Amino acid sequence: MALKPGTAPSLPGTSATLPKATVQLQAPTQPLGTSFPSASRAATLAVEDVEEEDANVGVVKILAGVGFAAAILVLVFQLMLSKIWISAVDNSRLGDWSQLIE
């Protein structure tokens, strides 16, 4: 049984036609992000970015140093507390630092 274009298979004795839908497409648009700034404006923006980066380098270095010092300080306090725990009189493994990693 051959089907005609635009018809769907149906039960014997009945015929069904497929709906025809045509939609007019809109005209193509310009993709997003394809507009580029002019050459003079692009050069101005690049110079401003470099100046902002130079201004922030000092702040970033200071914050990195403060963070590093804080990390060292926390490590020292942890080791001091661990020494108290390891050197406790009631510790069965007195003076054994390997118990920290167990």
PDB file of N, CA and C in Angstrom:
ATOM      1  N   MET A   1       0.856  -1.169   0.000  1.00  0.00           N
ATOM      2  CA  MET A   1       0.000   0.000   0.000  1.00  0.00           C
ATOM      3  C   MET A   1       0.902   1.232   0.000  1.00  0.00           C
ATOM      4  N   ALA A   2       0.818   2.031  -1.001  1.00  0.00           N
ATOM      5  CA  ALA A   2       1.643   3.218  -1.124  1.00  0.00           C
ATOM      6  C   ALA A   2       0.880   4.412  -0.573  1.00  0.00           C
ATOM      7  N   LEU A   3       1.614   5.249   0.151  1.00  0.00           N
ATOM      8  CA  LEU A   3       0.994   6.447   0.731  1.00  0.00           C
ATOM      9  C   LEU A   3       1.238   7.630  -0.175  1.00  0.00           C
ATOM     10  N   LYS A   4       0.248   8.476  -0.250  1.00  0.00           N
ATOM     11  CA  LYS A   4       0.390   9.717  -1.002  1.00  0.00           C
ATOM     12  C   LYS A   4       1.106  10.728  -0.116  1.00  0.00           C
ATOM     13  N   PRO A   5       1.858  11.639  -0.670  1.00  0.00           N
ATOM     14  CA  PRO A   5       2.471  12.679   0.149  1.00  0.00           C
ATOM     15  C   PRO A   5       1.386  13.481   0.856  1.00  0.00           C
ATOM     16  N   GLY A   6       1.600  13.728   2.139  1.00  0.00           N
ATOM     17  CA  GLY A   6       0.647  14.513   2.917  1.00  0.00           C
ATOM     18  C   GLY A   6      -0.404  13.661   3.588  1.00  0.00           C
ATOM     19  N   THR A   7      -0.284  12.326   3.498  1.00  0.00           N
ATOM     20  CA  THR A   7      -1.245  11.461   4.175  1.00  0.00           C
ATOM     21  C   THR A   7      -0.517  10.616   5.193  1.00  0.00           C
ATOM     22  N   ALA A   8      -1.246  10.178   6.195  1.00  0.00           N
ATOM     23  CA  ALA A   8      -0.675   9.355   7.244  1.00  0.00           C
ATOM     24  C   ALA A   8      -1.315   7.982   7.181  1.00  0.00           C
ATOM     25  N   PRO A   9      -0.603   6.960   7.670  1.00  0.00           N
ATOM     26  CA  PRO A   9      -1.228   5.645   7.693  1.00  0.00           C
ATOM     27  C   PRO A   9      -2.441   5.666   8.617  1.00  0.00           C
ATOM     28  N   SER A  10      -3.448   4.956   8.265  1.00  0.00           N
ATOM     29  CA  SER A  10      -4.666   4.931   9.073  1.00  0.00           C
ATOM     30  C   SER A  10      -5.258   3.542   9.040  1.00  0.00           C
ATOM     31  N   LEU A  11      -6.340   3.385   9.756  1.00  0.00           N
ATOM     32  CA  LEU A  11      -7.029   2.105   9.770  1.00  0.00           C
ATOM     33  C   LEU A  11      -7.639   1.848   8.401  1.00  0.00           C
ATOM     34  N   PRO A  12      -7.832   0.586   8.054  1.00  0.00           N
ATOM     35  CA  PRO A  12      -8.420   0.277   6.747  1.00  0.00           C
ATOM     36  C   PRO A  12      -9.804   0.919   6.609  1.00  0.00           C
ATOM     37  N   GLY A  13     -10.031   1.496   5.502  1.00  0.00           N
ATOM     38  CA  GLY A  13     -11.314   2.114   5.224  1.00  0.00           C
ATOM     39  C   GLY A  13     -11.393   3.577   5.601  1.00  0.00           C
ATOM     40  N   THR A  14     -10.390   4.105   6.282  1.00  0.00           N
ATOM     41  CA  THR A  14     -10.389   5.530   6.646  1.00  0.00           C
ATOM     42  C   THR A  14      -9.139   6.171   6.064  1.00  0.00           C
ATOM     43  N   SER A  15      -9.194   7.433   5.854  1.00  0.00           N
ATOM     44  CA  SER A  15      -8.002   8.136   5.385  1.00  0.00           C
ATOM     45  C   SER A  15      -7.830   9.398   6.222  1.00  0.00           C
ATOM     46  N   ALA A  16      -6.595   9.682   6.558  1.00  0.00           N
ATOM     47  CA  ALA A  16      -6.287  10.874   7.359  1.00  0.00           C
ATOM     48  C   ALA A  16      -5.243  11.684   6.611  1.00  0.00           C
ATOM     49  N   THR A  17      -5.416  12.962   6.591  1.00  0.00           N
ATOM     50  CA  THR A  17      -4.420  13.812   5.957  1.00  0.00           C
ATOM     51  C   THR A  17      -3.651  14.545   7.034  1.00  0.00           C
ATOM     52  N   LEU A  18      -2.395  14.764   6.778  1.00  0.00           N
ATOM     53  CA  LEU A  18      -1.553  15.492   7.722  1.00  0.00           C
ATOM     54  C   LEU A  18      -1.812  16.988   7.601  1.00  0.00           C
ATOM     55  N   PRO A  19      -1.790  17.697   8.733  1.00  0.00           N
ATOM     56  CA  PRO A  19      -1.970  19.150   8.642  1.00  0.00           C
ATOM     57  C   PRO A  19      -0.753  19.784   7.980  1.00  0.00           C
ATOM     58  N   LYS A  20      -0.993  20.831   7.256  1.00  0.00           N
ATOM     59  CA  LYS A  20       0.095  21.546   6.599  1.00  0.00           C
ATOM     60  C   LYS A  20       0.327  22.847   7.354  1.00  0.00           C
ATOM     61  N   ALA A  21       1.542  23.024   7.823  1.00  0.00           N
ATOM     62  CA  ALA A  21       1.873  24.229   8.568  1.00  0.00           C
ATOM     63  C   ALA A  21       3.050  24.918   7.904  1.00  0.00           C
ATOM     64  N   THR A  22       2.841  26.116   7.494  1.00  0.00           N
ATOM     65  CA  THR A  22       3.929  26.905   6.947  1.00  0.00           C
ATOM     66  C   THR A  22       4.012  28.191   7.745  1.00  0.00           C
ATOM     67  N   VAL A  23       5.199  28.503   8.171  1.00  0.00           N
ATOM     68  CA  VAL A  23       5.417  29.704   8.956  1.00  0.00           C
ATOM     69  C   VAL A  23       6.444  30.552   8.224  1.00  0.00           C
ATOM     70  N   GLN A  24       6.141  31.817   8.095  1.00  0.00           N
ATOM     71  CA  GLN A  24       7.078  32.732   7.451  1.00  0.00           C
ATOM     72  C   GLN A  24       8.218  33.016   8.419  1.00  0.00           C
ATOM     73  N   LEU A  25       9.449  32.765   8.000  1.00  0.00           N
ATOM     74  CA  LEU A  25      10.615  33.010   8.844  1.00  0.00           C
ATOM     75  C   LEU A  25      10.969  34.489   8.823  1.00  0.00           C
ATOM     76  N   GLN A  26      11.500  34.954   9.962  1.00  0.00           N
ATOM     77  CA  GLN A  26      11.933  36.345  10.031  1.00  0.00           C
ATOM     78  C   GLN A  26      13.249  36.502   9.281  1.00  0.00           C
ATOM     79  N   ALA A  27      13.526  37.724   8.927  1.00  0.00           N
ATOM     80  CA  ALA A  27      14.787  38.010   8.235  1.00  0.00           C
ATOM     81  C   ALA A  27      15.951  37.737   9.180  1.00  0.00           C
ATOM     82  N   PRO A  28      17.086  37.253   8.677  1.00  0.00           N
ATOM     83  CA  PRO A  28      18.232  36.976   9.539  1.00  0.00           C
ATOM     84  C   PRO A  28      18.718  38.245  10.238  1.00  0.00           C
ATOM     85  N   THR A  29      19.184  38.063  11.465  1.00  0.00           N
ATOM     86  CA  THR A  29      19.704  39.197  12.247  1.00  0.00           C
ATOM     87  C   THR A  29      21.202  39.024  12.428  1.00  0.00           C
ATOM     88  N   GLN A  30      21.840  40.076  12.923  1.00  0.00           N
ATOM     89  CA  GLN A  30      23.278  40.043  13.163  1.00  0.00           C
ATOM     90  C   GLN A  30      23.532  39.269  14.455  1.00  0.00           C
ATOM     91  N   PRO A  31      24.454  38.297  14.470  1.00  0.00           N
ATOM     92  CA  PRO A  31      24.747  37.544  15.693  1.00  0.00           C
ATOM     93  C   PRO A  31      25.275  38.465  16.791  1.00  0.00           C
ATOM     94  N   LEU A  32      25.011  38.060  18.036  1.00  0.00           N
ATOM     95  CA  LEU A  32      25.482  38.850  19.177  1.00  0.00           C
ATOM     96  C   LEU A  32      26.995  38.813  19.266  1.00  0.00           C
ATOM     97  N   GLY A  33      27.568  39.873  19.703  1.00  0.00           N
ATOM     98  CA  GLY A  33      29.005  39.929  19.939  1.00  0.00           C
ATOM     99  C   GLY A  33      29.845  40.144  18.703  1.00  0.00           C
ATOM    100  N   THR A  34      29.241  40.512  17.591  1.00  0.00           N
ATOM    101  CA  THR A  34      30.055  40.715  16.392  1.00  0.00           C
ATOM    102  C   THR A  34      30.351  42.178  16.140  1.00  0.00           C
ATOM    103  N   SER A  35      29.818  43.059  16.965  1.00  0.00           N
ATOM    104  CA  SER A  35      30.135  44.475  16.773  1.00  0.00           C
ATOM    105  C   SER A  35      31.415  44.798  17.534  1.00  0.00           C
ATOM    106  N   PHE A  36      32.386  45.337  16.845  1.00  0.00           N
ATOM    107  CA  PHE A  36      33.676  45.637  17.441  1.00  0.00           C
ATOM    108  C   PHE A  36      33.804  47.145  17.627  1.00  0.00           C
ATOM    109  N   PRO A  37      34.464  47.581  18.729  1.00  0.00           N
ATOM    110  CA  PRO A  37      34.658  49.015  18.920  1.00  0.00           C
ATOM    111  C   PRO A  37      35.630  49.562  17.876  1.00  0.00           C
ATOM    112  N   SER A  38      35.559  50.843  17.677  1.00  0.00           N
ATOM    113  CA  SER A  38      36.462  51.465  16.712  1.00  0.00           C
ATOM    114  C   SER A  38      37.898  51.362  17.219  1.00  0.00           C
ATOM    115  N   ALA A  39      38.857  51.566  16.344  1.00  0.00           N
ATOM    116  CA  ALA A  39      40.273  51.404  16.688  1.00  0.00           C
ATOM    117  C   ALA A  39      40.697  52.383  17.784  1.00  0.00           C
ATOM    118  N   SER A  40      40.226  53.619  17.733  1.00  0.00           N
ATOM    119  CA  SER A  40      40.636  54.599  18.745  1.00  0.00           C
ATOM    120  C   SER A  40      40.045  54.252  20.104  1.00  0.00           C
ATOM    121  N   ARG A  41      38.824  53.760  20.120  1.00  0.00           N
ATOM    122  CA  ARG A  41      38.191  53.398  21.385  1.00  0.00           C
ATOM    123  C   ARG A  41      38.841  52.145  21.966  1.00  0.00           C
ATOM    124  N   ALA A  42      39.190  51.182  21.142  1.00  0.00           N
ATOM    125  CA  ALA A  42      39.830  49.961  21.611  1.00  0.00           C
ATOM    126  C   ALA A  42      41.182  50.276  22.253  1.00  0.00           C
ATOM    127  N   ALA A  43      41.949  51.180  21.663  1.00  0.00           N
ATOM    128  CA  ALA A  43      43.247  51.547  22.223  1.00  0.00           C
ATOM    129  C   ALA A  43      43.073  52.224  23.579  1.00  0.00           C
ATOM    130  N   THR A  44      42.061  53.051  23.723  1.00  0.00           N
ATOM    131  CA  THR A  44      41.806  53.733  24.996  1.00  0.00           C
ATOM    132  C   THR A  44      41.438  52.728  26.074  1.00  0.00           C
ATOM    133  N   LEU A  45      40.615  51.761  25.734  1.00  0.00           N
ATOM    134  CA  LEU A  45      40.217  50.759  26.714  1.00  0.00           C
ATOM    135  C   LEU A  45      41.398  49.920  27.156  1.00  0.00           C
ATOM    136  N   ALA A  46      42.290  49.559  26.261  1.00  0.00           N
ATOM    137  CA  ALA A  46      43.442  48.749  26.609  1.00  0.00           C
ATOM    138  C   ALA A  46      44.369  49.496  27.566  1.00  0.00           C
ATOM    139  N   VAL A  47      44.550  50.770  27.369  1.00  0.00           N
ATOM    140  CA  VAL A  47      45.411  51.565  28.249  1.00  0.00           C
ATOM    141  C   VAL A  47      44.810  51.653  29.644  1.00  0.00           C
ATOM    142  N   GLU A  48      43.508  51.815  29.744  1.00  0.00           N
ATOM    143  CA  GLU A  48      42.854  51.893  31.043  1.00  0.00           C
ATOM    144  C   GLU A  48      42.990  50.581  31.799  1.00  0.00           C
ATOM    145  N   ASP A  49      42.911  49.437  31.121  1.00  0.00           N
ATOM    146  CA  ASP A  49      43.050  48.151  31.775  1.00  0.00           C
ATOM    147  C   ASP A  49      44.438  47.982  32.364  1.00  0.00           C
ATOM    148  N   VAL A  50      45.468  48.402  31.653  1.00  0.00           N
ATOM    149  CA  VAL A  50      46.840  48.275  32.135  1.00  0.00           C
ATOM    150  C   VAL A  50      47.037  49.124  33.386  1.00  0.00           C
ATOM    151  N   GLU A  51      46.476  50.331  33.391  1.00  0.00           N
ATOM    152  CA  GLU A  51      46.615  51.198  34.560  1.00  0.00           C
ATOM    153  C   GLU A  51      45.931  50.605  35.774  1.00  0.00           C
ATOM    154  N   GLU A  52      44.756  49.993  35.590  1.00  0.00           N
ATOM    155  CA  GLU A  52      44.053  49.376  36.711  1.00  0.00           C
ATOM    156  C   GLU A  52      44.826  48.180  37.244  1.00  0.00           C
ATOM    157  N   GLU A  53      45.424  47.387  36.369  1.00  0.00           N
ATOM    158  CA  GLU A  53      46.202  46.238  36.805  1.00  0.00           C
ATOM    159  C   GLU A  53      47.423  46.687  37.599  1.00  0.00           C
ATOM    160  N   ASP A  54      48.099  47.743  37.160  1.00  0.00           N
ATOM    161  CA  ASP A  54      49.269  48.237  37.872  1.00  0.00           C
ATOM    162  C   ASP A  54      48.895  48.729  39.265  1.00  0.00           C
ATOM    163  N   ALA A  55      47.741  49.358  39.398  1.00  0.00           N
ATOM    164  CA  ALA A  55      47.312  49.879  40.693  1.00  0.00           C
ATOM    165  C   ALA A  55      46.973  48.746  41.653  1.00  0.00           C
ATOM    166  N   ASN A  56      46.475  47.637  41.162  1.00  0.00           N
ATOM    167  CA  ASN A  56      46.054  46.536  42.024  1.00  0.00           C
ATOM    168  C   ASN A  56      47.182  45.591  42.394  1.00  0.00           C
ATOM    169  N   VAL A  57      48.311  45.653  41.718  1.00  0.00           N
ATOM    170  CA  VAL A  57      49.410  44.727  41.994  1.00  0.00           C
ATOM    171  C   VAL A  57      49.925  44.910  43.411  1.00  0.00           C
ATOM    172  N   GLY A  58      50.071  46.124  43.860  1.00  0.00           N
ATOM    173  CA  GLY A  58      50.566  46.379  45.215  1.00  0.00           C
ATOM    174  C   GLY A  58      49.626  45.837  46.275  1.00  0.00           C
ATOM    175  N   VAL A  59      48.333  46.034  46.071  1.00  0.00           N
ATOM    176  CA  VAL A  59      47.341  45.544  47.031  1.00  0.00           C
ATOM    177  C   VAL A  59      47.342  44.023  47.057  1.00  0.00           C
ATOM    178  N   VAL A  60      47.435  43.412  45.895  1.00  0.00           N
ATOM    179  CA  VAL A  60      47.433  41.949  45.819  1.00  0.00           C
ATOM    180  C   VAL A  60      48.661  41.376  46.519  1.00  0.00           C
ATOM    181  N   LYS A  61      49.817  42.005  46.333  1.00  0.00           N
ATOM    182  CA  LYS A  61      51.037  41.516  46.988  1.00  0.00           C
ATOM    183  C   LYS A  61      50.930  41.640  48.503  1.00  0.00           C
ATOM    184  N   ILE A  62      50.372  42.732  48.967  1.00  0.00           N
ATOM    185  CA  ILE A  62      50.215  42.929  50.421  1.00  0.00           C
ATOM    186  C   ILE A  62      49.268  41.879  50.990  1.00  0.00           C
ATOM    187  N   LEU A  63      48.133  41.658  50.317  1.00  0.00           N
ATOM    188  CA  LEU A  63      47.177  40.660  50.798  1.00  0.00           C
ATOM    189  C   LEU A  63      47.758  39.251  50.748  1.00  0.00           C
ATOM    190  N   ALA A  64      48.552  38.949  49.732  1.00  0.00           N
ATOM    191  CA  ALA A  64      49.191  37.638  49.653  1.00  0.00           C
ATOM    192  C   ALA A  64      50.166  37.446  50.807  1.00  0.00           C
ATOM    193  N   GLY A  65      50.933  38.480  51.135  1.00  0.00           N
ATOM    194  CA  GLY A  65      51.866  38.398  52.257  1.00  0.00           C
ATOM    195  C   GLY A  65      51.151  38.219  53.582  1.00  0.00           C
ATOM    196  N   VAL A  66      50.061  38.939  53.772  1.00  0.00           N
ATOM    197  CA  VAL A  66      49.284  38.810  55.020  1.00  0.00           C
ATOM    198  C   VAL A  66      48.695  37.409  55.121  1.00  0.00           C
ATOM    199  N   GLY A  67      48.186  36.885  54.014  1.00  0.00           N
ATOM    200  CA  GLY A  67      47.627  35.532  54.019  1.00  0.00           C
ATOM    201  C   GLY A  67      48.679  34.476  54.317  1.00  0.00           C
ATOM    202  N   PHE A  68      49.857  34.642  53.733  1.00  0.00           N
ATOM    203  CA  PHE A  68      50.941  33.700  53.989  1.00  0.00           C
ATOM    204  C   PHE A  68      51.380  33.744  55.449  1.00  0.00           C
ATOM    205  N   ALA A  69      51.508  34.951  56.006  1.00  0.00           N
ATOM    206  CA  ALA A  69      51.892  35.091  57.414  1.00  0.00           C
ATOM    207  C   ALA A  69      50.847  34.465  58.331  1.00  0.00           C
ATOM    208  N   ALA A  70      49.563  34.634  57.999  1.00  0.00           N
ATOM    209  CA  ALA A  70      48.498  34.042  58.807  1.00  0.00           C
ATOM    210  C   ALA A  70      48.553  32.523  58.738  1.00  0.00           C
ATOM    211  N   ALA A  71      48.845  31.969  57.588  1.00  0.00           N
ATOM    212  CA  ALA A  71      48.935  30.519  57.444  1.00  0.00           C
ATOM    213  C   ALA A  71      50.099  29.965  58.258  1.00  0.00           C
ATOM    214  N   ILE A  72      51.235  30.654  58.229  1.00  0.00           N
ATOM    215  CA  ILE A  72      52.394  30.221  59.027  1.00  0.00           C
ATOM    216  C   ILE A  72      52.062  30.290  60.508  1.00  0.00           C
ATOM    217  N   LEU A  73      51.372  31.338  60.924  1.00  0.00           N
ATOM    218  CA  LEU A  73      50.994  31.504  62.332  1.00  0.00           C
ATOM    219  C   LEU A  73      50.063  30.380  62.781  1.00  0.00           C
ATOM    220  N   VAL A  74      49.100  30.027  61.968  1.00  0.00           N
ATOM    221  CA  VAL A  74      48.185  28.925  62.309  1.00  0.00           C
ATOM    222  C   VAL A  74      48.959  27.616  62.410  1.00  0.00           C
ATOM    223  N   LEU A  75      49.894  27.372  61.504  1.00  0.00           N
ATOM    224  CA  LEU A  75      50.696  26.154  61.552  1.00  0.00           C
ATOM    225  C   LEU A  75      51.521  26.080  62.837  1.00  0.00           C
ATOM    226  N   VAL A  76      52.113  27.191  63.225  1.00  0.00           N
ATOM    227  CA  VAL A  76      52.920  27.215  64.453  1.00  0.00           C
ATOM    228  C   VAL A  76      52.046  26.902  65.665  1.00  0.00           C
ATOM    229  N   PHE A  77      50.866  27.507  65.745  1.00  0.00           N
ATOM    230  CA  PHE A  77      49.968  27.236  66.878  1.00  0.00           C
ATOM    231  C   PHE A  77      49.524  25.771  66.897  1.00  0.00           C
ATOM    232  N   GLN A  78      49.262  25.192  65.738  1.00  0.00           N
ATOM    233  CA  GLN A  78      48.869  23.785  65.690  1.00  0.00           C
ATOM    234  C   GLN A  78      49.996  22.876  66.160  1.00  0.00           C
ATOM    235  N   LEU A  79      51.218  23.174  65.747  1.00  0.00           N
ATOM    236  CA  LEU A  79      52.348  22.351  66.186  1.00  0.00           C
ATOM    237  C   LEU A  79      52.611  22.509  67.683  1.00  0.00           C
ATOM    238  N   MET A  80      52.413  23.722  68.220  1.00  0.00           N
ATOM    239  CA  MET A  80      52.587  23.928  69.663  1.00  0.00           C
ATOM    240  C   MET A  80      51.553  23.134  70.458  1.00  0.00           C
ATOM    241  N   LEU A  81      50.309  23.132  69.985  1.00  0.00           N
ATOM    242  CA  LEU A  81      49.276  22.362  70.665  1.00  0.00           C
ATOM    243  C   LEU A  81      49.517  20.864  70.524  1.00  0.00           C
ATOM    244  N   SER A  82      50.012  20.448  69.370  1.00  0.00           N
ATOM    245  CA  SER A  82      50.308  19.027  69.168  1.00  0.00           C
ATOM    246  C   SER A  82      51.419  18.571  70.094  1.00  0.00           C
ATOM    247  N   LYS A  83      52.401  19.425  70.301  1.00  0.00           N
ATOM    248  CA  LYS A  83      53.511  19.073  71.202  1.00  0.00           C
ATOM    249  C   LYS A  83      53.002  18.855  72.614  1.00  0.00           C
ATOM    250  N   ILE A  84      52.039  19.680  73.047  1.00  0.00           N
ATOM    251  CA  ILE A  84      51.469  19.506  74.391  1.00  0.00           C
ATOM    252  C   ILE A  84      50.759  18.164  74.472  1.00  0.00           C
ATOM    253  N   TRP A  85      50.029  17.798  73.441  1.00  0.00           N
ATOM    254  CA  TRP A  85      49.278  16.551  73.430  1.00  0.00           C
ATOM    255  C   TRP A  85      50.224  15.340  73.361  1.00  0.00           C
ATOM    256  N   ILE A  86      51.278  15.452  72.540  1.00  0.00           N
ATOM    257  CA  ILE A  86      52.217  14.343  72.395  1.00  0.00           C
ATOM    258  C   ILE A  86      53.066  14.168  73.648  1.00  0.00           C
ATOM    259  N   SER A  87      53.374  15.264  74.335  1.00  0.00           N
ATOM    260  CA  SER A  87      54.225  15.201  75.535  1.00  0.00           C
ATOM    261  C   SER A  87      53.437  14.984  76.809  1.00  0.00           C
ATOM    262  N   ALA A  88      52.156  14.699  76.696  1.00  0.00           N
ATOM    263  CA  ALA A  88      51.336  14.485  77.893  1.00  0.00           C
ATOM    264  C   ALA A  88      51.804  13.240  78.634  1.00  0.00           C
ATOM    265  N   VAL A  89      51.749  13.309  79.950  1.00  0.00           N
ATOM    266  CA  VAL A  89      52.241  12.217  80.786  1.00  0.00           C
ATOM    267  C   VAL A  89      51.403  10.960  80.584  1.00  0.00           C
ATOM    268  N   ASP A  90      50.104  11.091  80.389  1.00  0.00           N
ATOM    269  CA  ASP A  90      49.245   9.915  80.250  1.00  0.00           C
ATOM    270  C   ASP A  90      49.187   9.367  78.815  1.00  0.00           C
ATOM    271  N   ASN A  91      50.012   9.910  77.903  1.00  0.00           N
ATOM    272  CA  ASN A  91      50.052   9.431  76.529  1.00  0.00           C
ATOM    273  C   ASN A  91      50.861   8.139  76.476  1.00  0.00           C
ATOM    274  N   SER A  92      50.270   7.078  75.912  1.00  0.00           N
ATOM    275  CA  SER A  92      50.974   5.788  75.864  1.00  0.00           C
ATOM    276  C   SER A  92      52.146   5.824  74.877  1.00  0.00           C
ATOM    277  N   ARG A  93      52.123   6.699  73.914  1.00  0.00           N
ATOM    278  CA  ARG A  93      53.210   6.818  72.928  1.00  0.00           C
ATOM    279  C   ARG A  93      53.901   8.164  73.102  1.00  0.00           C
ATOM    280  N   LEU A  94      54.415   8.420  74.249  1.00  0.00           N
ATOM    281  CA  LEU A  94      55.032   9.688  74.621  1.00  0.00           C
ATOM    282  C   LEU A  94      56.157  10.055  73.660  1.00  0.00           C
ATOM    283  N   GLY A  95      56.094  11.254  73.080  1.00  0.00           N
ATOM    284  CA  GLY A  95      57.128  11.762  72.208  1.00  0.00           C
ATOM    285  C   GLY A  95      57.102  11.234  70.772  1.00  0.00           C
ATOM    286  N   ASP A  96      56.108  10.450  70.406  1.00  0.00           N
ATOM    287  CA  ASP A  96      56.023   9.869  69.065  1.00  0.00           C
ATOM    288  C   ASP A  96      55.182  10.792  68.175  1.00  0.00           C
ATOM    289  N   TRP A  97      55.856  11.548  67.294  1.00  0.00           N
ATOM    290  CA  TRP A  97      55.164  12.499  66.434  1.00  0.00           C
ATOM    291  C   TRP A  97      54.384  11.814  65.308  1.00  0.00           C
ATOM    292  N   SER A  98      54.664  10.552  65.034  1.00  0.00           N
ATOM    293  CA  SER A  98      53.951   9.865  63.965  1.00  0.00           C
ATOM    294  C   SER A  98      52.493   9.622  64.308  1.00  0.00           C
ATOM    295  N   GLN A  99      52.122   9.763  65.558  1.00  0.00           N
ATOM    296  CA  GLN A  99      50.716   9.582  65.924  1.00  0.00           C
ATOM    297  C   GLN A  99      49.833  10.722  65.414  1.00  0.00           C
ATOM    298  N   LEU A 100      50.446  11.801  64.934  1.00  0.00           N
ATOM    299  CA  LEU A 100      49.668  12.898  64.350  1.00  0.00           C
ATOM    300  C   LEU A 100      49.035  12.508  63.018  1.00  0.00           C
ATOM    301  N   ILE A 101      49.676  11.615  62.283  1.00  0.00           N
ATOM    302  CA  ILE A 101      49.165  11.272  60.957  1.00  0.00           C
ATOM    303  C   ILE A 101      48.321  10.009  60.964  1.00  0.00           C
ATOM    304  N   GLU A 102      48.074   9.424  62.118  1.00  0.00           N
ATOM    305  CA  GLU A 102      47.254   8.214  62.209  1.00  0.00           C
ATOM    306  C   GLU A 102      45.799   8.563  62.347  1.00  0.00           C
TER     307      GLU A 102
END
